[in-house]
N, C-alpha and C. Protein backbone atom coordinates (compact mmCIF):
# COMPACT_ATOMS: atom_id res chain seq x y z
N MET A 1 -69.91 -51.76 6.38
CA MET A 1 -68.67 -52.19 6.97
C MET A 1 -68.64 -51.66 8.40
N ARG A 2 -68.43 -52.53 9.36
CA ARG A 2 -68.31 -52.10 10.75
C ARG A 2 -66.85 -52.01 11.10
N VAL A 3 -66.44 -50.85 11.52
CA VAL A 3 -65.05 -50.65 11.89
C VAL A 3 -65.02 -50.17 13.32
N LEU A 4 -64.17 -50.76 14.11
CA LEU A 4 -64.02 -50.37 15.51
C LEU A 4 -62.65 -49.76 15.68
N GLY A 5 -62.59 -48.45 15.76
CA GLY A 5 -61.30 -47.79 15.94
C GLY A 5 -60.31 -48.14 14.85
N GLY A 6 -60.77 -48.28 13.62
CA GLY A 6 -59.88 -48.61 12.52
C GLY A 6 -59.64 -50.10 12.36
N LYS A 7 -60.30 -50.93 13.16
CA LYS A 7 -60.11 -52.37 13.08
C LYS A 7 -61.44 -53.03 12.71
N THR A 8 -61.37 -54.10 11.94
CA THR A 8 -62.57 -54.86 11.64
C THR A 8 -62.96 -55.63 12.89
N LEU A 9 -64.16 -56.21 12.87
CA LEU A 9 -64.62 -56.99 14.01
C LEU A 9 -63.67 -58.15 14.32
N ILE A 10 -63.18 -58.82 13.29
CA ILE A 10 -62.26 -59.94 13.51
C ILE A 10 -60.96 -59.45 14.13
N GLU A 11 -60.40 -58.35 13.60
CA GLU A 11 -59.17 -57.80 14.17
C GLU A 11 -59.38 -57.42 15.64
N ALA A 12 -60.54 -56.84 15.93
CA ALA A 12 -60.82 -56.46 17.31
C ALA A 12 -60.88 -57.69 18.21
N GLN A 13 -61.46 -58.80 17.71
CA GLN A 13 -61.50 -60.03 18.49
C GLN A 13 -60.09 -60.57 18.74
N VAL A 14 -59.29 -60.63 17.69
CA VAL A 14 -57.94 -61.17 17.80
C VAL A 14 -57.10 -60.32 18.74
N LEU A 15 -57.29 -59.02 18.70
CA LEU A 15 -56.50 -58.12 19.53
C LEU A 15 -57.06 -57.96 20.94
N GLY A 16 -58.12 -58.68 21.27
CA GLY A 16 -58.57 -58.70 22.64
C GLY A 16 -59.89 -58.01 22.93
N ARG A 17 -60.38 -57.17 22.04
CA ARG A 17 -61.68 -56.54 22.27
C ARG A 17 -62.74 -57.48 21.72
N TYR A 18 -63.03 -58.53 22.46
CA TYR A 18 -63.90 -59.59 21.99
C TYR A 18 -65.35 -59.12 21.92
N ARG A 19 -65.95 -59.39 20.81
CA ARG A 19 -67.38 -59.18 20.63
C ARG A 19 -67.85 -60.28 19.70
N GLN A 20 -68.82 -61.02 20.10
CA GLN A 20 -69.32 -62.13 19.29
C GLN A 20 -69.79 -61.63 17.93
N ILE A 21 -69.31 -62.24 16.87
CA ILE A 21 -69.77 -61.91 15.53
C ILE A 21 -70.98 -62.79 15.25
N ASP A 22 -72.11 -62.14 15.02
CA ASP A 22 -73.33 -62.90 14.78
C ASP A 22 -73.69 -62.88 13.29
N GLU A 23 -74.85 -63.42 12.98
CA GLU A 23 -75.27 -63.53 11.59
C GLU A 23 -75.44 -62.18 10.90
N SER A 24 -75.57 -61.10 11.67
CA SER A 24 -75.75 -59.79 11.06
C SER A 24 -74.47 -59.26 10.43
N ALA A 25 -73.33 -59.90 10.70
CA ALA A 25 -72.05 -59.47 10.12
C ALA A 25 -71.86 -60.21 8.80
N TYR A 26 -72.53 -59.77 7.76
CA TYR A 26 -72.47 -60.44 6.47
C TYR A 26 -71.18 -60.16 5.73
N GLN A 27 -70.64 -58.97 5.93
CA GLN A 27 -69.45 -58.57 5.19
C GLN A 27 -68.47 -57.94 6.17
N ILE A 28 -67.25 -58.40 6.13
CA ILE A 28 -66.21 -57.82 6.96
C ILE A 28 -65.03 -57.53 6.05
N SER A 29 -64.75 -56.26 5.84
CA SER A 29 -63.63 -55.88 4.98
C SER A 29 -63.07 -54.57 5.46
N THR A 30 -61.86 -54.28 5.02
CA THR A 30 -61.21 -53.05 5.43
C THR A 30 -60.23 -52.61 4.36
N LEU A 31 -59.98 -51.33 4.30
CA LEU A 31 -58.92 -50.83 3.43
C LEU A 31 -57.60 -51.08 4.13
N SER A 32 -56.58 -51.43 3.36
CA SER A 32 -55.28 -51.67 3.96
C SER A 32 -54.70 -50.39 4.54
N SER A 33 -54.80 -49.31 3.78
CA SER A 33 -54.23 -48.05 4.26
C SER A 33 -54.74 -46.89 3.43
N GLU A 34 -54.42 -45.71 3.88
CA GLU A 34 -54.76 -44.50 3.14
C GLU A 34 -54.04 -44.50 1.80
N GLU A 35 -52.91 -45.21 1.71
CA GLU A 35 -52.14 -45.27 0.47
C GLU A 35 -52.93 -45.93 -0.66
N ASP A 36 -53.86 -46.84 -0.30
CA ASP A 36 -54.68 -47.48 -1.33
C ASP A 36 -55.42 -46.44 -2.16
N LEU A 37 -55.95 -45.42 -1.50
CA LEU A 37 -56.68 -44.37 -2.20
C LEU A 37 -55.77 -43.55 -3.09
N ASN A 38 -54.51 -43.39 -2.69
CA ASN A 38 -53.58 -42.58 -3.46
C ASN A 38 -53.13 -43.26 -4.75
N LEU A 39 -53.37 -44.56 -4.89
CA LEU A 39 -52.99 -45.29 -6.10
C LEU A 39 -53.95 -45.02 -7.26
N ILE A 40 -55.13 -44.48 -6.96
CA ILE A 40 -56.13 -44.21 -7.99
C ILE A 40 -55.87 -42.84 -8.59
N MET A 41 -55.69 -42.82 -9.89
CA MET A 41 -55.44 -41.56 -10.59
C MET A 41 -56.74 -40.77 -10.71
N VAL A 42 -56.65 -39.46 -10.50
CA VAL A 42 -57.83 -38.61 -10.63
C VAL A 42 -57.52 -37.42 -11.52
N SER A 43 -58.56 -36.83 -12.04
CA SER A 43 -58.42 -35.67 -12.91
C SER A 43 -58.05 -34.44 -12.10
N THR A 44 -57.29 -33.56 -12.72
CA THR A 44 -56.96 -32.28 -12.07
C THR A 44 -58.06 -31.25 -12.32
N ASN A 45 -59.09 -31.63 -13.10
CA ASN A 45 -60.20 -30.72 -13.40
C ASN A 45 -61.25 -30.68 -12.30
N VAL A 46 -61.10 -31.47 -11.26
CA VAL A 46 -62.11 -31.53 -10.21
C VAL A 46 -61.51 -31.16 -8.86
N SER A 47 -62.39 -30.82 -7.92
CA SER A 47 -61.94 -30.46 -6.58
C SER A 47 -61.38 -31.68 -5.86
N ASP A 48 -60.57 -31.43 -4.85
CA ASP A 48 -60.03 -32.53 -4.04
C ASP A 48 -61.16 -33.32 -3.39
N GLU A 49 -62.20 -32.62 -2.96
CA GLU A 49 -63.33 -33.28 -2.31
C GLU A 49 -64.04 -34.24 -3.27
N LEU A 50 -64.27 -33.79 -4.49
CA LEU A 50 -64.92 -34.64 -5.49
C LEU A 50 -64.02 -35.82 -5.86
N ALA A 51 -62.72 -35.57 -6.00
CA ALA A 51 -61.78 -36.64 -6.32
C ALA A 51 -61.76 -37.68 -5.20
N GLN A 52 -61.78 -37.22 -3.95
CA GLN A 52 -61.79 -38.13 -2.81
C GLN A 52 -63.07 -38.96 -2.79
N GLY A 53 -64.21 -38.33 -3.06
CA GLY A 53 -65.48 -39.05 -3.11
C GLY A 53 -65.48 -40.12 -4.19
N TYR A 54 -64.90 -39.78 -5.34
CA TYR A 54 -64.78 -40.73 -6.45
C TYR A 54 -63.92 -41.92 -6.05
N LYS A 55 -62.76 -41.64 -5.45
CA LYS A 55 -61.85 -42.72 -5.03
C LYS A 55 -62.55 -43.65 -4.05
N GLU A 56 -63.22 -43.06 -3.07
CA GLU A 56 -63.89 -43.87 -2.05
C GLU A 56 -65.01 -44.71 -2.67
N ALA A 57 -65.78 -44.13 -3.59
CA ALA A 57 -66.85 -44.86 -4.26
C ALA A 57 -66.28 -46.02 -5.08
N LEU A 58 -65.17 -45.78 -5.76
CA LEU A 58 -64.53 -46.81 -6.57
C LEU A 58 -64.03 -47.96 -5.69
N ILE A 59 -63.38 -47.63 -4.59
CA ILE A 59 -62.87 -48.66 -3.67
C ILE A 59 -64.03 -49.46 -3.07
N ARG A 60 -65.08 -48.76 -2.59
CA ARG A 60 -66.24 -49.46 -2.02
C ARG A 60 -66.85 -50.40 -3.04
N SER A 61 -66.98 -49.92 -4.27
CA SER A 61 -67.58 -50.73 -5.32
C SER A 61 -66.74 -51.99 -5.58
N MET A 62 -65.43 -51.84 -5.60
CA MET A 62 -64.55 -53.00 -5.80
C MET A 62 -64.68 -53.99 -4.64
N PHE A 63 -64.71 -53.48 -3.42
CA PHE A 63 -64.82 -54.36 -2.26
C PHE A 63 -66.16 -55.07 -2.20
N ASN A 64 -67.21 -54.44 -2.71
CA ASN A 64 -68.55 -55.03 -2.63
C ASN A 64 -68.87 -55.98 -3.77
N GLN A 65 -68.01 -56.09 -4.79
CA GLN A 65 -68.34 -56.87 -5.97
C GLN A 65 -68.62 -58.34 -5.68
N ASP A 66 -67.86 -58.97 -4.82
CA ASP A 66 -68.11 -60.39 -4.53
C ASP A 66 -69.50 -60.57 -3.95
N GLU A 67 -69.86 -59.69 -3.04
CA GLU A 67 -71.17 -59.78 -2.41
C GLU A 67 -72.29 -59.45 -3.41
N ILE A 68 -72.09 -58.42 -4.20
CA ILE A 68 -73.07 -58.06 -5.23
C ILE A 68 -73.26 -59.24 -6.18
N ASN A 69 -72.16 -59.86 -6.60
CA ASN A 69 -72.24 -61.01 -7.51
C ASN A 69 -72.98 -62.18 -6.88
N LEU A 70 -72.81 -62.40 -5.59
CA LEU A 70 -73.54 -63.45 -4.89
C LEU A 70 -75.05 -63.21 -5.01
N TYR A 71 -75.47 -61.99 -4.76
CA TYR A 71 -76.90 -61.69 -4.82
C TYR A 71 -77.42 -61.64 -6.25
N LYS A 72 -76.54 -61.36 -7.21
CA LYS A 72 -76.94 -61.44 -8.62
C LYS A 72 -77.18 -62.90 -9.01
N THR A 73 -76.24 -63.78 -8.67
CA THR A 73 -76.36 -65.18 -9.07
C THR A 73 -77.42 -65.93 -8.28
N ASN A 74 -77.86 -65.37 -7.17
CA ASN A 74 -78.99 -65.94 -6.43
C ASN A 74 -80.31 -65.31 -6.86
N TYR A 75 -80.24 -64.44 -7.87
CA TYR A 75 -81.41 -63.82 -8.51
C TYR A 75 -82.18 -62.85 -7.62
N TYR A 76 -81.47 -62.15 -6.76
CA TYR A 76 -82.10 -61.10 -5.95
C TYR A 76 -81.94 -59.72 -6.58
N ILE A 77 -80.83 -59.49 -7.25
CA ILE A 77 -80.61 -58.20 -7.90
C ILE A 77 -80.10 -58.44 -9.32
N GLY A 78 -80.31 -57.45 -10.17
CA GLY A 78 -79.84 -57.53 -11.55
C GLY A 78 -79.41 -56.17 -12.04
N GLU A 79 -78.70 -56.18 -13.15
CA GLU A 79 -78.23 -54.94 -13.78
C GLU A 79 -79.37 -54.38 -14.63
N ASN A 80 -79.86 -53.19 -14.26
CA ASN A 80 -80.91 -52.60 -15.10
C ASN A 80 -80.28 -51.85 -16.27
N ASN A 81 -81.09 -51.49 -17.26
CA ASN A 81 -80.55 -50.87 -18.46
C ASN A 81 -80.23 -49.39 -18.29
N GLY A 82 -80.34 -48.89 -17.07
CA GLY A 82 -79.96 -47.51 -16.77
C GLY A 82 -78.58 -47.40 -16.17
N GLY A 83 -77.90 -48.55 -15.99
CA GLY A 83 -76.55 -48.53 -15.44
C GLY A 83 -76.50 -48.76 -13.94
N TYR A 84 -77.63 -49.12 -13.35
CA TYR A 84 -77.70 -49.33 -11.90
C TYR A 84 -78.24 -50.72 -11.60
N LEU A 85 -78.29 -51.07 -10.32
CA LEU A 85 -78.82 -52.35 -9.89
C LEU A 85 -80.30 -52.20 -9.55
N SER A 86 -81.05 -53.27 -9.77
CA SER A 86 -82.47 -53.32 -9.39
C SER A 86 -82.71 -54.55 -8.54
N TYR A 87 -83.63 -54.41 -7.58
CA TYR A 87 -84.08 -55.56 -6.81
C TYR A 87 -85.11 -56.28 -7.66
N ILE A 88 -84.83 -57.52 -8.04
CA ILE A 88 -85.70 -58.23 -8.99
C ILE A 88 -86.33 -59.48 -8.41
N ALA A 89 -85.98 -59.86 -7.18
CA ALA A 89 -86.48 -61.10 -6.60
C ALA A 89 -88.01 -61.11 -6.57
N PHE A 90 -88.55 -62.20 -7.04
CA PHE A 90 -89.98 -62.49 -7.02
C PHE A 90 -90.78 -61.71 -8.08
N ASP A 91 -90.25 -60.61 -8.59
CA ASP A 91 -90.94 -59.89 -9.67
C ASP A 91 -90.47 -60.41 -11.02
N VAL A 92 -89.15 -60.40 -11.21
CA VAL A 92 -88.54 -60.83 -12.47
C VAL A 92 -88.04 -62.27 -12.35
N SER A 93 -87.56 -62.61 -11.17
CA SER A 93 -86.87 -63.89 -10.99
C SER A 93 -87.43 -64.67 -9.82
N LYS A 94 -87.09 -65.95 -9.80
CA LYS A 94 -87.37 -66.80 -8.64
C LYS A 94 -86.02 -67.08 -7.99
N PRO A 95 -85.76 -66.48 -6.82
CA PRO A 95 -84.45 -66.64 -6.18
C PRO A 95 -84.08 -68.10 -5.94
N LYS A 96 -82.78 -68.37 -6.08
CA LYS A 96 -82.25 -69.72 -5.87
C LYS A 96 -82.15 -70.05 -4.39
N THR A 97 -81.95 -69.03 -3.56
CA THR A 97 -81.78 -69.19 -2.12
C THR A 97 -82.82 -68.34 -1.42
N THR A 98 -83.41 -68.87 -0.36
CA THR A 98 -84.38 -68.09 0.41
C THR A 98 -83.66 -67.45 1.58
N TYR A 99 -83.76 -66.13 1.65
CA TYR A 99 -83.13 -65.38 2.73
C TYR A 99 -84.18 -64.83 3.68
N SER A 100 -83.75 -64.54 4.89
CA SER A 100 -84.63 -63.94 5.90
C SER A 100 -84.97 -62.50 5.50
N GLU A 101 -86.00 -61.95 6.12
CA GLU A 101 -86.37 -60.55 5.87
C GLU A 101 -85.22 -59.62 6.22
N GLU A 102 -84.48 -59.96 7.27
CA GLU A 102 -83.33 -59.14 7.67
C GLU A 102 -82.26 -59.15 6.58
N ARG A 103 -82.00 -60.31 6.00
CA ARG A 103 -81.01 -60.39 4.93
C ARG A 103 -81.49 -59.67 3.68
N ILE A 104 -82.77 -59.78 3.37
CA ILE A 104 -83.32 -59.07 2.21
C ILE A 104 -83.17 -57.57 2.40
N LYS A 105 -83.43 -57.10 3.60
CA LYS A 105 -83.24 -55.67 3.90
C LYS A 105 -81.78 -55.28 3.67
N TYR A 106 -80.86 -56.13 4.10
CA TYR A 106 -79.43 -55.89 3.89
C TYR A 106 -79.08 -55.87 2.40
N ILE A 107 -79.64 -56.81 1.64
CA ILE A 107 -79.39 -56.86 0.19
C ILE A 107 -79.81 -55.55 -0.45
N LYS A 108 -80.99 -55.07 -0.07
CA LYS A 108 -81.48 -53.80 -0.63
C LYS A 108 -80.59 -52.64 -0.22
N GLU A 109 -80.09 -52.66 1.01
CA GLU A 109 -79.20 -51.59 1.48
C GLU A 109 -77.88 -51.58 0.70
N ILE A 110 -77.27 -52.75 0.53
CA ILE A 110 -76.00 -52.80 -0.19
C ILE A 110 -76.21 -52.44 -1.66
N MET A 111 -77.37 -52.81 -2.21
CA MET A 111 -77.69 -52.44 -3.59
C MET A 111 -77.81 -50.92 -3.71
N GLU A 112 -78.49 -50.28 -2.77
CA GLU A 112 -78.64 -48.82 -2.80
C GLU A 112 -77.29 -48.13 -2.62
N LYS A 113 -76.44 -48.67 -1.76
CA LYS A 113 -75.10 -48.09 -1.59
C LYS A 113 -74.30 -48.21 -2.88
N GLU A 114 -74.40 -49.36 -3.54
CA GLU A 114 -73.70 -49.54 -4.81
C GLU A 114 -74.23 -48.57 -5.86
N ASN A 115 -75.55 -48.39 -5.89
CA ASN A 115 -76.14 -47.44 -6.84
C ASN A 115 -75.68 -46.01 -6.56
N THR A 116 -75.57 -45.65 -5.29
CA THR A 116 -75.06 -44.32 -4.92
C THR A 116 -73.62 -44.17 -5.39
N ASP A 117 -72.81 -45.21 -5.18
CA ASP A 117 -71.41 -45.17 -5.64
C ASP A 117 -71.34 -45.07 -7.16
N ARG A 118 -72.20 -45.80 -7.86
CA ARG A 118 -72.21 -45.72 -9.32
C ARG A 118 -72.59 -44.31 -9.79
N ARG A 119 -73.54 -43.69 -9.09
CA ARG A 119 -73.94 -42.32 -9.44
C ARG A 119 -72.77 -41.36 -9.21
N THR A 120 -72.05 -41.53 -8.09
CA THR A 120 -70.88 -40.71 -7.79
C THR A 120 -69.83 -40.86 -8.89
N ILE A 121 -69.60 -42.09 -9.32
CA ILE A 121 -68.62 -42.35 -10.38
C ILE A 121 -69.06 -41.70 -11.69
N ALA A 122 -70.34 -41.83 -12.04
CA ALA A 122 -70.86 -41.23 -13.28
C ALA A 122 -70.70 -39.71 -13.24
N GLU A 123 -71.05 -39.10 -12.11
CA GLU A 123 -70.93 -37.64 -11.98
C GLU A 123 -69.47 -37.21 -12.06
N TYR A 124 -68.59 -37.98 -11.45
CA TYR A 124 -67.16 -37.66 -11.51
C TYR A 124 -66.68 -37.69 -12.96
N LEU A 125 -67.07 -38.73 -13.70
CA LEU A 125 -66.65 -38.84 -15.10
C LEU A 125 -67.09 -37.62 -15.91
N ILE A 126 -68.28 -37.13 -15.62
CA ILE A 126 -68.78 -35.94 -16.32
C ILE A 126 -68.01 -34.70 -15.91
N LEU A 127 -67.88 -34.50 -14.61
CA LEU A 127 -67.24 -33.28 -14.11
C LEU A 127 -65.74 -33.23 -14.39
N SER A 128 -65.14 -34.39 -14.63
CA SER A 128 -63.70 -34.41 -14.90
C SER A 128 -63.38 -34.19 -16.38
N ASP A 129 -64.41 -34.19 -17.22
CA ASP A 129 -64.22 -33.98 -18.66
C ASP A 129 -64.84 -32.65 -19.06
N PRO A 130 -64.03 -31.67 -19.43
CA PRO A 130 -64.55 -30.34 -19.76
C PRO A 130 -65.55 -30.35 -20.93
N LYS A 131 -65.53 -31.39 -21.76
CA LYS A 131 -66.45 -31.47 -22.90
C LYS A 131 -67.83 -31.96 -22.51
N LEU A 132 -67.98 -32.43 -21.27
CA LEU A 132 -69.27 -32.97 -20.83
C LEU A 132 -69.92 -32.07 -19.79
N SER A 133 -71.24 -32.22 -19.67
CA SER A 133 -71.98 -31.53 -18.61
C SER A 133 -72.98 -32.53 -18.04
N MET A 134 -73.69 -32.14 -16.99
CA MET A 134 -74.66 -33.05 -16.39
C MET A 134 -75.78 -33.40 -17.37
N ALA A 135 -75.91 -32.64 -18.44
CA ALA A 135 -76.88 -32.98 -19.48
C ALA A 135 -76.50 -34.30 -20.16
N ASN A 136 -75.24 -34.72 -20.02
CA ASN A 136 -74.75 -35.96 -20.62
C ASN A 136 -74.89 -37.17 -19.70
N ILE A 137 -75.57 -37.02 -18.57
CA ILE A 137 -75.63 -38.10 -17.57
C ILE A 137 -76.19 -39.39 -18.17
N LYS A 138 -77.22 -39.32 -18.99
CA LYS A 138 -77.81 -40.54 -19.57
C LYS A 138 -76.82 -41.26 -20.49
N GLU A 139 -76.03 -40.50 -21.23
CA GLU A 139 -75.01 -41.11 -22.10
C GLU A 139 -73.96 -41.83 -21.26
N VAL A 140 -73.53 -41.20 -20.19
CA VAL A 140 -72.52 -41.80 -19.32
C VAL A 140 -73.09 -43.04 -18.64
N GLU A 141 -74.33 -42.96 -18.14
CA GLU A 141 -74.96 -44.11 -17.51
C GLU A 141 -75.13 -45.25 -18.51
N SER A 142 -75.43 -44.92 -19.75
CA SER A 142 -75.57 -45.94 -20.80
C SER A 142 -74.22 -46.63 -21.06
N ALA A 143 -73.15 -45.85 -21.08
CA ALA A 143 -71.81 -46.43 -21.26
C ALA A 143 -71.45 -47.31 -20.07
N LEU A 144 -71.80 -46.88 -18.87
CA LEU A 144 -71.53 -47.69 -17.67
C LEU A 144 -72.35 -48.98 -17.70
N TYR A 145 -73.59 -48.90 -18.19
CA TYR A 145 -74.42 -50.09 -18.33
C TYR A 145 -73.74 -51.11 -19.25
N ARG A 146 -73.26 -50.64 -20.41
CA ARG A 146 -72.59 -51.55 -21.35
C ARG A 146 -71.35 -52.18 -20.70
N ARG A 147 -70.60 -51.39 -19.96
CA ARG A 147 -69.42 -51.92 -19.27
C ARG A 147 -69.84 -52.95 -18.22
N ASN A 148 -70.89 -52.66 -17.46
CA ASN A 148 -71.35 -53.60 -16.43
C ASN A 148 -71.83 -54.91 -17.03
N VAL A 149 -72.50 -54.85 -18.18
CA VAL A 149 -72.96 -56.07 -18.84
C VAL A 149 -71.76 -56.88 -19.33
N GLN A 150 -70.73 -56.22 -19.83
CA GLN A 150 -69.53 -56.93 -20.27
C GLN A 150 -68.84 -57.64 -19.11
N LYS A 151 -68.99 -57.12 -17.90
CA LYS A 151 -68.33 -57.69 -16.73
C LYS A 151 -69.20 -58.67 -15.96
N LEU A 152 -70.41 -58.98 -16.46
CA LEU A 152 -71.30 -59.88 -15.75
C LEU A 152 -70.70 -61.28 -15.62
N ILE A 153 -71.08 -61.95 -14.55
CA ILE A 153 -70.71 -63.35 -14.39
C ILE A 153 -71.91 -64.21 -14.78
N ASP A 154 -71.65 -65.47 -15.10
CA ASP A 154 -72.72 -66.38 -15.49
C ASP A 154 -73.85 -66.39 -14.48
N ASN A 155 -75.05 -66.61 -15.00
CA ASN A 155 -76.26 -66.73 -14.18
C ASN A 155 -76.62 -65.45 -13.44
N SER A 156 -76.42 -64.32 -14.09
CA SER A 156 -76.82 -63.02 -13.55
C SER A 156 -77.89 -62.42 -14.46
N TYR A 157 -78.91 -61.85 -13.85
CA TYR A 157 -79.93 -61.17 -14.64
C TYR A 157 -79.46 -59.79 -15.06
N TYR A 158 -79.83 -59.42 -16.28
CA TYR A 158 -79.62 -58.04 -16.73
C TYR A 158 -80.78 -57.65 -17.64
N GLN A 159 -81.02 -56.35 -17.69
CA GLN A 159 -82.13 -55.81 -18.45
C GLN A 159 -81.65 -55.39 -19.84
N LEU A 160 -82.38 -55.80 -20.84
CA LEU A 160 -82.07 -55.44 -22.22
C LEU A 160 -82.58 -54.03 -22.51
N PRO A 161 -82.10 -53.42 -23.58
CA PRO A 161 -82.57 -52.07 -23.92
C PRO A 161 -84.09 -51.96 -24.07
N ASP A 162 -84.76 -53.07 -24.45
CA ASP A 162 -86.23 -53.03 -24.59
C ASP A 162 -86.95 -53.23 -23.25
N SER A 163 -86.19 -53.22 -22.15
CA SER A 163 -86.69 -53.35 -20.76
C SER A 163 -87.05 -54.77 -20.34
N SER A 164 -86.87 -55.77 -21.21
CA SER A 164 -87.07 -57.15 -20.78
C SER A 164 -85.81 -57.62 -20.06
N TRP A 165 -85.95 -58.66 -19.25
CA TRP A 165 -84.83 -59.19 -18.48
C TRP A 165 -84.40 -60.53 -19.04
N THR A 166 -83.12 -60.83 -18.95
CA THR A 166 -82.59 -62.11 -19.40
C THR A 166 -81.43 -62.52 -18.49
N VAL A 167 -81.11 -63.80 -18.51
CA VAL A 167 -80.01 -64.31 -17.70
C VAL A 167 -78.76 -64.37 -18.56
N TYR A 168 -77.68 -63.82 -18.06
CA TYR A 168 -76.41 -63.80 -18.78
C TYR A 168 -75.71 -65.15 -18.64
N SER A 169 -75.10 -65.59 -19.74
CA SER A 169 -74.18 -66.73 -19.69
C SER A 169 -73.08 -66.45 -20.70
N ASN A 170 -71.92 -67.04 -20.50
CA ASN A 170 -70.80 -66.85 -21.43
C ASN A 170 -71.18 -67.24 -22.84
N GLU A 171 -72.12 -68.16 -22.98
CA GLU A 171 -72.57 -68.59 -24.30
C GLU A 171 -73.21 -67.43 -25.06
N ASN A 172 -73.80 -66.46 -24.32
CA ASN A 172 -74.41 -65.29 -24.95
C ASN A 172 -73.38 -64.49 -25.73
N THR A 173 -72.14 -64.46 -25.24
CA THR A 173 -71.12 -63.61 -25.86
C THR A 173 -70.36 -64.33 -26.97
N ASN A 174 -70.46 -65.66 -27.02
CA ASN A 174 -69.71 -66.41 -28.02
C ASN A 174 -70.46 -66.58 -29.33
N SER A 175 -71.72 -66.20 -29.38
CA SER A 175 -72.48 -66.39 -30.61
C SER A 175 -72.44 -65.20 -31.51
């Protein structure tokens, strides 16, 4: 996300600080206010810093979902069975759309950012529950994987527990 003094590129253009938006501006989004973060409930068992990191990761993940879903349905990334995203283009799948090397680099960057946010969320879930420790990370990641598969949109790749890949469709859940 490119922010100029708290304004997105479009806001900066409208308000007079004109800068041509080129093809490298794939995503333009902004938080409405600091109050958005305050709407997310956090555990009192964690530090303010950890709670803030969790909130920010959650918000970023929500804002990035449309873009992540675009790259999932174009077969560039998929949900792996560890609870994270994997770059699958050309290895597992044949992409529906051909992107430039610059765009592919961007896809990998946003995927890595999403994976970092997912790791932050998993660690927060562990640290906020006194019954859990970091030894439980695989269990938490497994639960997040199941949740992510339940939230998949049609024509998205995901990895099965046996490590094979398949394409999700609503028909998969109705049988």
